mmCIF file of all heavy atoms, coordinates in Angstrom:
data_MODEL
# 
_entry.id   MODEL 
# 
loop_
_atom_site.group_PDB 
_atom_site.id 
_atom_site.type_symbol 
_atom_site.label_atom_id 
_atom_site.label_alt_id 
_atom_site.label_comp_id 
_atom_site.label_asym_id 
_atom_site.label_entity_id 
_atom_site.label_seq_id 
_atom_site.pdbx_PDB_ins_code 
_atom_site.Cartn_x 
_atom_site.Cartn_y 
_atom_site.Cartn_z 
_atom_site.occupancy 
_atom_site.B_iso_or_equiv 
_atom_site.pdbx_formal_charge 
_atom_site.auth_seq_id 
_atom_site.auth_comp_id 
_atom_site.auth_asym_id 
_atom_site.auth_atom_id 
_atom_site.pdbx_PDB_model_num 
ATOM 1   N N   . PRO A 1 1  ? 12.121  4.959   10.869  1.00 0.00 ? 1  PRO A N   1 
ATOM 2   C CA  . PRO A 1 1  ? 11.320  5.233   12.041  1.00 0.00 ? 1  PRO A CA  1 
ATOM 3   C C   . PRO A 1 1  ? 9.846   4.501   11.903  1.00 0.00 ? 1  PRO A C   1 
ATOM 4   O O   . PRO A 1 1  ? 9.401   4.529   10.817  1.00 0.00 ? 1  PRO A O   1 
ATOM 5   C CB  . PRO A 1 1  ? 11.127  6.643   12.280  1.00 0.00 ? 1  PRO A CB  1 
ATOM 6   C CG  . PRO A 1 1  ? 12.345  7.229   11.576  1.00 0.00 ? 1  PRO A CG  1 
ATOM 7   C CD  . PRO A 1 1  ? 12.578  6.350   10.421  1.00 0.00 ? 1  PRO A CD  1 
ATOM 8   N N   . GLU A 1 2  ? 9.339   3.906   12.936  1.00 0.00 ? 2  GLU A N   1 
ATOM 9   C CA  . GLU A 1 2  ? 8.099   3.153   12.719  1.00 0.00 ? 2  GLU A CA  1 
ATOM 10  C C   . GLU A 1 2  ? 7.001   4.032   12.252  1.00 0.00 ? 2  GLU A C   1 
ATOM 11  O O   . GLU A 1 2  ? 6.248   3.521   11.421  1.00 0.00 ? 2  GLU A O   1 
ATOM 12  C CB  . GLU A 1 2  ? 7.753   2.425   14.065  1.00 0.00 ? 2  GLU A CB  1 
ATOM 13  C CG  . GLU A 1 2  ? 6.513   1.490   13.836  1.00 0.00 ? 2  GLU A CG  1 
ATOM 14  C CD  . GLU A 1 2  ? 6.134   0.828   15.073  1.00 0.00 ? 2  GLU A CD  1 
ATOM 15  O OE1 . GLU A 1 2  ? 6.275   1.337   16.180  1.00 0.00 ? 2  GLU A OE1 1 
ATOM 16  O OE2 . GLU A 1 2  ? 5.319   -0.193  14.883  1.00 0.00 ? 2  GLU A OE2 1 
ATOM 17  N N   . ALA A 1 3  ? 6.858   5.133   12.752  1.00 0.00 ? 3  ALA A N   1 
ATOM 18  C CA  . ALA A 1 3  ? 5.658   6.053   12.189  1.00 0.00 ? 3  ALA A CA  1 
ATOM 19  C C   . ALA A 1 3  ? 5.753   6.137   10.708  1.00 0.00 ? 3  ALA A C   1 
ATOM 20  O O   . ALA A 1 3  ? 4.702   6.072   9.991   1.00 0.00 ? 3  ALA A O   1 
ATOM 21  C CB  . ALA A 1 3  ? 5.608   7.269   12.957  1.00 0.00 ? 3  ALA A CB  1 
ATOM 22  N N   . GLU A 1 4  ? 6.991   6.410   10.153  1.00 0.00 ? 4  GLU A N   1 
ATOM 23  C CA  . GLU A 1 4  ? 7.251   6.578   8.668   1.00 0.00 ? 4  GLU A CA  1 
ATOM 24  C C   . GLU A 1 4  ? 6.964   5.257   8.073   1.00 0.00 ? 4  GLU A C   1 
ATOM 25  O O   . GLU A 1 4  ? 6.381   5.237   7.003   1.00 0.00 ? 4  GLU A O   1 
ATOM 26  C CB  . GLU A 1 4  ? 8.645   7.016   8.523   1.00 0.00 ? 4  GLU A CB  1 
ATOM 27  C CG  . GLU A 1 4  ? 9.074   7.327   7.149   1.00 0.00 ? 4  GLU A CG  1 
ATOM 28  C CD  . GLU A 1 4  ? 10.464  7.696   6.931   1.00 0.00 ? 4  GLU A CD  1 
ATOM 29  O OE1 . GLU A 1 4  ? 10.992  8.534   7.752   1.00 0.00 ? 4  GLU A OE1 1 
ATOM 30  O OE2 . GLU A 1 4  ? 11.180  7.232   6.037   1.00 0.00 ? 4  GLU A OE2 1 
ATOM 31  N N   . ALA A 1 5  ? 7.352   4.126   8.593   1.00 0.00 ? 5  ALA A N   1 
ATOM 32  C CA  . ALA A 1 5  ? 7.249   2.781   8.057   1.00 0.00 ? 5  ALA A CA  1 
ATOM 33  C C   . ALA A 1 5  ? 5.697   2.424   8.035   1.00 0.00 ? 5  ALA A C   1 
ATOM 34  O O   . ALA A 1 5  ? 5.284   1.846   6.934   1.00 0.00 ? 5  ALA A O   1 
ATOM 35  C CB  . ALA A 1 5  ? 7.995   1.799   8.877   1.00 0.00 ? 5  ALA A CB  1 
ATOM 36  N N   . ILE A 1 6  ? 4.919   2.800   9.039   1.00 0.00 ? 6  ILE A N   1 
ATOM 37  C CA  . ILE A 1 6  ? 3.587   2.521   8.950   1.00 0.00 ? 6  ILE A CA  1 
ATOM 38  C C   . ILE A 1 6  ? 2.849   3.311   7.845   1.00 0.00 ? 6  ILE A C   1 
ATOM 39  O O   . ILE A 1 6  ? 1.926   2.849   7.207   1.00 0.00 ? 6  ILE A O   1 
ATOM 40  C CB  . ILE A 1 6  ? 2.927   2.730   10.354  1.00 0.00 ? 6  ILE A CB  1 
ATOM 41  C CG1 . ILE A 1 6  ? 3.381   1.644   11.291  1.00 0.00 ? 6  ILE A CG1 1 
ATOM 42  C CG2 . ILE A 1 6  ? 1.350   2.768   10.277  1.00 0.00 ? 6  ILE A CG2 1 
ATOM 43  C CD1 . ILE A 1 6  ? 2.911   1.811   12.754  1.00 0.00 ? 6  ILE A CD1 1 
ATOM 44  N N   . THR A 1 7  ? 3.223   4.565   7.813   1.00 0.00 ? 7  THR A N   1 
ATOM 45  C CA  . THR A 1 7  ? 2.662   5.358   6.666   1.00 0.00 ? 7  THR A CA  1 
ATOM 46  C C   . THR A 1 7  ? 2.888   4.841   5.328   1.00 0.00 ? 7  THR A C   1 
ATOM 47  O O   . THR A 1 7  ? 2.114   4.644   4.445   1.00 0.00 ? 7  THR A O   1 
ATOM 48  C CB  . THR A 1 7  ? 3.143   6.904   6.783   1.00 0.00 ? 7  THR A CB  1 
ATOM 49  O OG1 . THR A 1 7  ? 2.679   7.428   8.046   1.00 0.00 ? 7  THR A OG1 1 
ATOM 50  C CG2 . THR A 1 7  ? 2.654   7.725   5.574   1.00 0.00 ? 7  THR A CG2 1 
ATOM 51  N N   . ALA A 1 8  ? 4.266   4.435   5.139   1.00 0.00 ? 8  ALA A N   1 
ATOM 52  C CA  . ALA A 1 8  ? 4.647   3.702   3.884   1.00 0.00 ? 8  ALA A CA  1 
ATOM 53  C C   . ALA A 1 8  ? 3.890   2.479   3.725   1.00 0.00 ? 8  ALA A C   1 
ATOM 54  O O   . ALA A 1 8  ? 3.370   2.086   2.500   1.00 0.00 ? 8  ALA A O   1 
ATOM 55  C CB  . ALA A 1 8  ? 6.140   3.511   3.917   1.00 0.00 ? 8  ALA A CB  1 
ATOM 56  N N   . LEU A 1 9  ? 3.645   1.683   4.653   1.00 0.00 ? 9  LEU A N   1 
ATOM 57  C CA  . LEU A 1 9  ? 2.879   0.445   4.644   1.00 0.00 ? 9  LEU A CA  1 
ATOM 58  C C   . LEU A 1 9  ? 1.534   0.727   4.113   1.00 0.00 ? 9  LEU A C   1 
ATOM 59  O O   . LEU A 1 9  ? 0.976   0.051   3.230   1.00 0.00 ? 9  LEU A O   1 
ATOM 60  C CB  . LEU A 1 9  ? 2.893   -0.285  6.009   1.00 0.00 ? 9  LEU A CB  1 
ATOM 61  C CG  . LEU A 1 9  ? 2.042   -1.509  6.161   1.00 0.00 ? 9  LEU A CG  1 
ATOM 62  C CD1 . LEU A 1 9  ? 2.520   -2.595  5.170   1.00 0.00 ? 9  LEU A CD1 1 
ATOM 63  C CD2 . LEU A 1 9  ? 2.018   -1.971  7.575   1.00 0.00 ? 9  LEU A CD2 1 
ATOM 64  N N   . ASP A 1 10 ? 0.812   1.654   4.704   1.00 0.00 ? 10 ASP A N   1 
ATOM 65  C CA  . ASP A 1 10 ? -0.454  1.997   4.308   1.00 0.00 ? 10 ASP A CA  1 
ATOM 66  C C   . ASP A 1 10 ? -0.478  2.438   2.828   1.00 0.00 ? 10 ASP A C   1 
ATOM 67  O O   . ASP A 1 10 ? -1.371  2.078   2.056   1.00 0.00 ? 10 ASP A O   1 
ATOM 68  C CB  . ASP A 1 10 ? -1.037  3.163   5.294   1.00 0.00 ? 10 ASP A CB  1 
ATOM 69  C CG  . ASP A 1 10 ? -2.514  3.399   5.103   1.00 0.00 ? 10 ASP A CG  1 
ATOM 70  O OD1 . ASP A 1 10 ? -3.298  2.413   4.936   1.00 0.00 ? 10 ASP A OD1 1 
ATOM 71  O OD2 . ASP A 1 10 ? -2.953  4.582   4.898   1.00 0.00 ? 10 ASP A OD2 1 
ATOM 72  N N   . ASP A 1 11 ? 0.472   3.334   2.568   1.00 0.00 ? 11 ASP A N   1 
ATOM 73  C CA  . ASP A 1 11 ? 0.486   3.800   1.053   1.00 0.00 ? 11 ASP A CA  1 
ATOM 74  C C   . ASP A 1 11 ? 0.648   2.631   0.167   1.00 0.00 ? 11 ASP A C   1 
ATOM 75  O O   . ASP A 1 11 ? -0.011  2.495   -1.003  1.00 0.00 ? 11 ASP A O   1 
ATOM 76  C CB  . ASP A 1 11 ? 1.670   4.663   0.846   1.00 0.00 ? 11 ASP A CB  1 
ATOM 77  C CG  . ASP A 1 11 ? 1.456   6.047   1.504   1.00 0.00 ? 11 ASP A CG  1 
ATOM 78  O OD1 . ASP A 1 11 ? 0.261   6.418   1.878   1.00 0.00 ? 11 ASP A OD1 1 
ATOM 79  O OD2 . ASP A 1 11 ? 2.468   6.768   1.721   1.00 0.00 ? 11 ASP A OD2 1 
ATOM 80  N N   . GLU A 1 12 ? 1.563   1.668   0.461   1.00 0.00 ? 12 GLU A N   1 
ATOM 81  C CA  . GLU A 1 12 ? 1.801   0.622   -0.483  1.00 0.00 ? 12 GLU A CA  1 
ATOM 82  C C   . GLU A 1 12 ? 0.652   -0.318  -0.506  1.00 0.00 ? 12 GLU A C   1 
ATOM 83  O O   . GLU A 1 12 ? 0.345   -0.945  -1.466  1.00 0.00 ? 12 GLU A O   1 
ATOM 84  C CB  . GLU A 1 12 ? 3.110   -0.261  -0.080  1.00 0.00 ? 12 GLU A CB  1 
ATOM 85  C CG  . GLU A 1 12 ? 4.391   0.674   -0.212  1.00 0.00 ? 12 GLU A CG  1 
ATOM 86  C CD  . GLU A 1 12 ? 4.430   1.290   -1.598  1.00 0.00 ? 12 GLU A CD  1 
ATOM 87  O OE1 . GLU A 1 12 ? 4.140   0.731   -2.607  1.00 0.00 ? 12 GLU A OE1 1 
ATOM 88  O OE2 . GLU A 1 12 ? 4.939   2.519   -1.642  1.00 0.00 ? 12 GLU A OE2 1 
ATOM 89  N N   . LEU A 1 13 ? -0.028  -0.638  0.649   1.00 0.00 ? 13 LEU A N   1 
ATOM 90  C CA  . LEU A 1 13 ? -1.196  -1.427  0.699   1.00 0.00 ? 13 LEU A CA  1 
ATOM 91  C C   . LEU A 1 13 ? -2.356  -0.898  -0.245  1.00 0.00 ? 13 LEU A C   1 
ATOM 92  O O   . LEU A 1 13 ? -2.920  -1.567  -0.938  1.00 0.00 ? 13 LEU A O   1 
ATOM 93  C CB  . LEU A 1 13 ? -1.735  -1.613  2.051   1.00 0.00 ? 13 LEU A CB  1 
ATOM 94  C CG  . LEU A 1 13 ? -0.971  -2.505  3.064   1.00 0.00 ? 13 LEU A CG  1 
ATOM 95  C CD1 . LEU A 1 13 ? -1.554  -2.323  4.421   1.00 0.00 ? 13 LEU A CD1 1 
ATOM 96  C CD2 . LEU A 1 13 ? -1.027  -3.922  2.496   1.00 0.00 ? 13 LEU A CD2 1 
ATOM 97  N N   . ASN A 1 14 ? -2.486  0.419   -0.265  1.00 0.00 ? 14 ASN A N   1 
ATOM 98  C CA  . ASN A 1 14 ? -3.391  1.179   -1.054  1.00 0.00 ? 14 ASN A CA  1 
ATOM 99  C C   . ASN A 1 14 ? -3.058  0.834   -2.557  1.00 0.00 ? 14 ASN A C   1 
ATOM 100 O O   . ASN A 1 14 ? -4.005  0.498   -3.369  1.00 0.00 ? 14 ASN A O   1 
ATOM 101 C CB  . ASN A 1 14 ? -3.530  2.581   -0.815  1.00 0.00 ? 14 ASN A CB  1 
ATOM 102 C CG  . ASN A 1 14 ? -4.318  2.773   0.506   1.00 0.00 ? 14 ASN A CG  1 
ATOM 103 O OD1 . ASN A 1 14 ? -5.255  2.174   0.858   1.00 0.00 ? 14 ASN A OD1 1 
ATOM 104 N ND2 . ASN A 1 14 ? -3.867  3.848   1.237   1.00 0.00 ? 14 ASN A ND2 1 
ATOM 105 N N   . ARG A 1 15 ? -1.843  1.025   -2.933  1.00 0.00 ? 15 ARG A N   1 
ATOM 106 C CA  . ARG A 1 15 ? -1.412  0.847   -4.350  1.00 0.00 ? 15 ARG A CA  1 
ATOM 107 C C   . ARG A 1 15 ? -1.664  -0.661  -4.710  1.00 0.00 ? 15 ARG A C   1 
ATOM 108 O O   . ARG A 1 15 ? -2.143  -0.941  -5.818  1.00 0.00 ? 15 ARG A O   1 
ATOM 109 C CB  . ARG A 1 15 ? -0.009  1.174   -4.542  1.00 0.00 ? 15 ARG A CB  1 
ATOM 110 C CG  . ARG A 1 15 ? 0.274   2.659   -4.577  1.00 0.00 ? 15 ARG A CG  1 
ATOM 111 C CD  . ARG A 1 15 ? 1.799   2.900   -4.838  1.00 0.00 ? 15 ARG A CD  1 
ATOM 112 N NE  . ARG A 1 15 ? 2.037   4.309   -4.609  1.00 0.00 ? 15 ARG A NE  1 
ATOM 113 C CZ  . ARG A 1 15 ? 2.535   4.812   -3.383  1.00 0.00 ? 15 ARG A CZ  1 
ATOM 114 N NH1 . ARG A 1 15 ? 2.959   3.957   -2.473  1.00 0.00 ? 15 ARG A NH1 1 
ATOM 115 N NH2 . ARG A 1 15 ? 2.692   6.084   -3.297  1.00 0.00 ? 15 ARG A NH2 1 
ATOM 116 N N   . LEU A 1 16 ? -1.235  -1.567  -3.950  1.00 0.00 ? 16 LEU A N   1 
ATOM 117 C CA  . LEU A 1 16 ? -1.419  -3.085  -4.136  1.00 0.00 ? 16 LEU A CA  1 
ATOM 118 C C   . LEU A 1 16 ? -2.849  -3.413  -4.386  1.00 0.00 ? 16 LEU A C   1 
ATOM 119 O O   . LEU A 1 16 ? -3.234  -4.238  -5.239  1.00 0.00 ? 16 LEU A O   1 
ATOM 120 C CB  . LEU A 1 16 ? -0.631  -3.808  -3.038  1.00 0.00 ? 16 LEU A CB  1 
ATOM 121 C CG  . LEU A 1 16 ? 0.821   -3.992  -3.188  1.00 0.00 ? 16 LEU A CG  1 
ATOM 122 C CD1 . LEU A 1 16 ? 1.275   -4.527  -1.886  1.00 0.00 ? 16 LEU A CD1 1 
ATOM 123 C CD2 . LEU A 1 16 ? 1.218   -4.741  -4.368  1.00 0.00 ? 16 LEU A CD2 1 
ATOM 124 N N   . MET A 1 17 ? -3.747  -2.872  -3.480  1.00 0.00 ? 17 MET A N   1 
ATOM 125 C CA  . MET A 1 17 ? -5.168  -3.203  -3.581  1.00 0.00 ? 17 MET A CA  1 
ATOM 126 C C   . MET A 1 17 ? -5.706  -2.822  -4.881  1.00 0.00 ? 17 MET A C   1 
ATOM 127 O O   . MET A 1 17 ? -6.432  -3.540  -5.414  1.00 0.00 ? 17 MET A O   1 
ATOM 128 C CB  . MET A 1 17 ? -5.841  -2.613  -2.352  1.00 0.00 ? 17 MET A CB  1 
ATOM 129 C CG  . MET A 1 17 ? -5.440  -3.125  -0.996  1.00 0.00 ? 17 MET A CG  1 
ATOM 130 S SD  . MET A 1 17 ? -5.708  -5.015  -0.857  1.00 0.00 ? 17 MET A SD  1 
ATOM 131 C CE  . MET A 1 17 ? -7.466  -4.972  -1.008  1.00 0.00 ? 17 MET A CE  1 
ATOM 132 N N   . ARG A 1 18 ? -5.397  -1.573  -5.354  1.00 0.00 ? 18 ARG A N   1 
ATOM 133 C CA  . ARG A 1 18 ? -5.912  -1.184  -6.579  1.00 0.00 ? 18 ARG A CA  1 
ATOM 134 C C   . ARG A 1 18 ? -5.366  -2.074  -7.745  1.00 0.00 ? 18 ARG A C   1 
ATOM 135 O O   . ARG A 1 18 ? -6.125  -2.485  -8.701  1.00 0.00 ? 18 ARG A O   1 
ATOM 136 C CB  . ARG A 1 18 ? -5.476  0.267   -6.884  1.00 0.00 ? 18 ARG A CB  1 
ATOM 137 C CG  . ARG A 1 18 ? -6.438  1.195   -6.202  1.00 0.00 ? 18 ARG A CG  1 
ATOM 138 C CD  . ARG A 1 18 ? -6.236  2.633   -6.634  1.00 0.00 ? 18 ARG A CD  1 
ATOM 139 N NE  . ARG A 1 18 ? -4.799  3.163   -6.667  1.00 0.00 ? 18 ARG A NE  1 
ATOM 140 C CZ  . ARG A 1 18 ? -4.239  3.607   -5.554  1.00 0.00 ? 18 ARG A CZ  1 
ATOM 141 N NH1 . ARG A 1 18 ? -4.844  3.693   -4.410  1.00 0.00 ? 18 ARG A NH1 1 
ATOM 142 N NH2 . ARG A 1 18 ? -3.018  3.991   -5.648  1.00 0.00 ? 18 ARG A NH2 1 
ATOM 143 N N   . LEU A 1 19 ? -3.981  -2.356  -7.636  1.00 0.00 ? 19 LEU A N   1 
ATOM 144 C CA  . LEU A 1 19 ? -3.477  -3.204  -8.725  1.00 0.00 ? 19 LEU A CA  1 
ATOM 145 C C   . LEU A 1 19 ? -4.035  -4.635  -8.721  1.00 0.00 ? 19 LEU A C   1 
ATOM 146 O O   . LEU A 1 19 ? -4.338  -5.263  -9.747  1.00 0.00 ? 19 LEU A O   1 
ATOM 147 C CB  . LEU A 1 19 ? -1.926  -3.157  -8.421  1.00 0.00 ? 19 LEU A CB  1 
ATOM 148 C CG  . LEU A 1 19 ? -1.048  -3.865  -9.588  1.00 0.00 ? 19 LEU A CG  1 
ATOM 149 C CD1 . LEU A 1 19 ? -1.292  -3.204  -10.880 1.00 0.00 ? 19 LEU A CD1 1 
ATOM 150 C CD2 . LEU A 1 19 ? 0.429   -3.846  -9.095  1.00 0.00 ? 19 LEU A CD2 1 
ATOM 151 N N   . GLY A 1 20 ? -4.180  -5.115  -7.498  1.00 0.00 ? 20 GLY A N   1 
ATOM 152 C CA  . GLY A 1 20 ? -4.853  -6.450  -7.386  1.00 0.00 ? 20 GLY A CA  1 
ATOM 153 C C   . GLY A 1 20 ? -6.217  -6.514  -8.001  1.00 0.00 ? 20 GLY A C   1 
ATOM 154 O O   . GLY A 1 20 ? -6.593  -7.454  -8.675  1.00 0.00 ? 20 GLY A O   1 
ATOM 155 N N   . ARG A 1 21 ? -7.006  -5.561  -7.634  1.00 0.00 ? 21 ARG A N   1 
ATOM 156 C CA  . ARG A 1 21 ? -8.342  -5.435  -8.166  1.00 0.00 ? 21 ARG A CA  1 
ATOM 157 C C   . ARG A 1 21 ? -8.392  -5.272  -9.705  1.00 0.00 ? 21 ARG A C   1 
ATOM 158 O O   . ARG A 1 21 ? -9.239  -5.884  -10.405 1.00 0.00 ? 21 ARG A O   1 
ATOM 159 C CB  . ARG A 1 21 ? -9.119  -4.269  -7.524  1.00 0.00 ? 21 ARG A CB  1 
ATOM 160 C CG  . ARG A 1 21 ? -10.477 -4.160  -7.953  1.00 0.00 ? 21 ARG A CG  1 
ATOM 161 C CD  . ARG A 1 21 ? -11.130 -2.686  -7.475  1.00 0.00 ? 21 ARG A CD  1 
ATOM 162 N NE  . ARG A 1 21 ? -10.359 -1.728  -8.307  1.00 0.00 ? 21 ARG A NE  1 
ATOM 163 C CZ  . ARG A 1 21 ? -10.178 -0.529  -7.926  1.00 0.00 ? 21 ARG A CZ  1 
ATOM 164 N NH1 . ARG A 1 21 ? -10.508 -0.057  -6.771  1.00 0.00 ? 21 ARG A NH1 1 
ATOM 165 N NH2 . ARG A 1 21 ? -9.503  0.349   -8.675  1.00 0.00 ? 21 ARG A NH2 1 
ATOM 166 N N   . ASP A 1 22 ? -7.488  -4.451  -10.237 1.00 0.00 ? 22 ASP A N   1 
ATOM 167 C CA  . ASP A 1 22 ? -7.582  -4.091  -11.565 1.00 0.00 ? 22 ASP A CA  1 
ATOM 168 C C   . ASP A 1 22 ? -6.728  -5.045  -12.576 1.00 0.00 ? 22 ASP A C   1 
ATOM 169 O O   . ASP A 1 22 ? -6.909  -4.922  -13.805 1.00 0.00 ? 22 ASP A O   1 
ATOM 170 C CB  . ASP A 1 22 ? -6.937  -2.687  -11.741 1.00 0.00 ? 22 ASP A CB  1 
ATOM 171 C CG  . ASP A 1 22 ? -7.917  -1.605  -11.168 1.00 0.00 ? 22 ASP A CG  1 
ATOM 172 O OD1 . ASP A 1 22 ? -9.110  -1.952  -10.869 1.00 0.00 ? 22 ASP A OD1 1 
ATOM 173 O OD2 . ASP A 1 22 ? -7.511  -0.512  -10.899 1.00 0.00 ? 22 ASP A OD2 1 
ATOM 174 N N   . THR A 1 23 ? -5.954  -5.902  -11.950 1.00 0.00 ? 23 THR A N   1 
ATOM 175 C CA  . THR A 1 23 ? -5.235  -6.898  -12.843 1.00 0.00 ? 23 THR A CA  1 
ATOM 176 C C   . THR A 1 23 ? -6.125  -7.961  -13.294 1.00 0.00 ? 23 THR A C   1 
ATOM 177 O O   . THR A 1 23 ? -6.701  -8.739  -12.468 1.00 0.00 ? 23 THR A O   1 
ATOM 178 C CB  . THR A 1 23 ? -4.015  -7.461  -12.088 1.00 0.00 ? 23 THR A CB  1 
ATOM 179 O OG1 . THR A 1 23 ? -3.104  -6.361  -11.720 1.00 0.00 ? 23 THR A OG1 1 
ATOM 180 C CG2 . THR A 1 23 ? -3.341  -8.470  -12.861 1.00 0.00 ? 23 THR A CG2 1 
ATOM 181 N N   . PRO A 1 24 ? -6.341  -8.227  -14.580 1.00 0.00 ? 24 PRO A N   1 
ATOM 182 C CA  . PRO A 1 24 ? -7.197  -9.291  -15.009 1.00 0.00 ? 24 PRO A CA  1 
ATOM 183 C C   . PRO A 1 24 ? -6.496  -10.618 -14.640 1.00 0.00 ? 24 PRO A C   1 
ATOM 184 O O   . PRO A 1 24 ? -5.315  -10.750 -14.776 1.00 0.00 ? 24 PRO A O   1 
ATOM 185 C CB  . PRO A 1 24 ? -7.411  -9.036  -16.523 1.00 0.00 ? 24 PRO A CB  1 
ATOM 186 C CG  . PRO A 1 24 ? -6.590  -7.866  -16.853 1.00 0.00 ? 24 PRO A CG  1 
ATOM 187 C CD  . PRO A 1 24 ? -5.877  -7.352  -15.699 1.00 0.00 ? 24 PRO A CD  1 
# 
């Protein structure tokens, strides 16, 4: 369902942003 997919998208973006910032 889209609402669930958007929540998952937001969660994954947050994880990726931290990883992108912290990866040398």
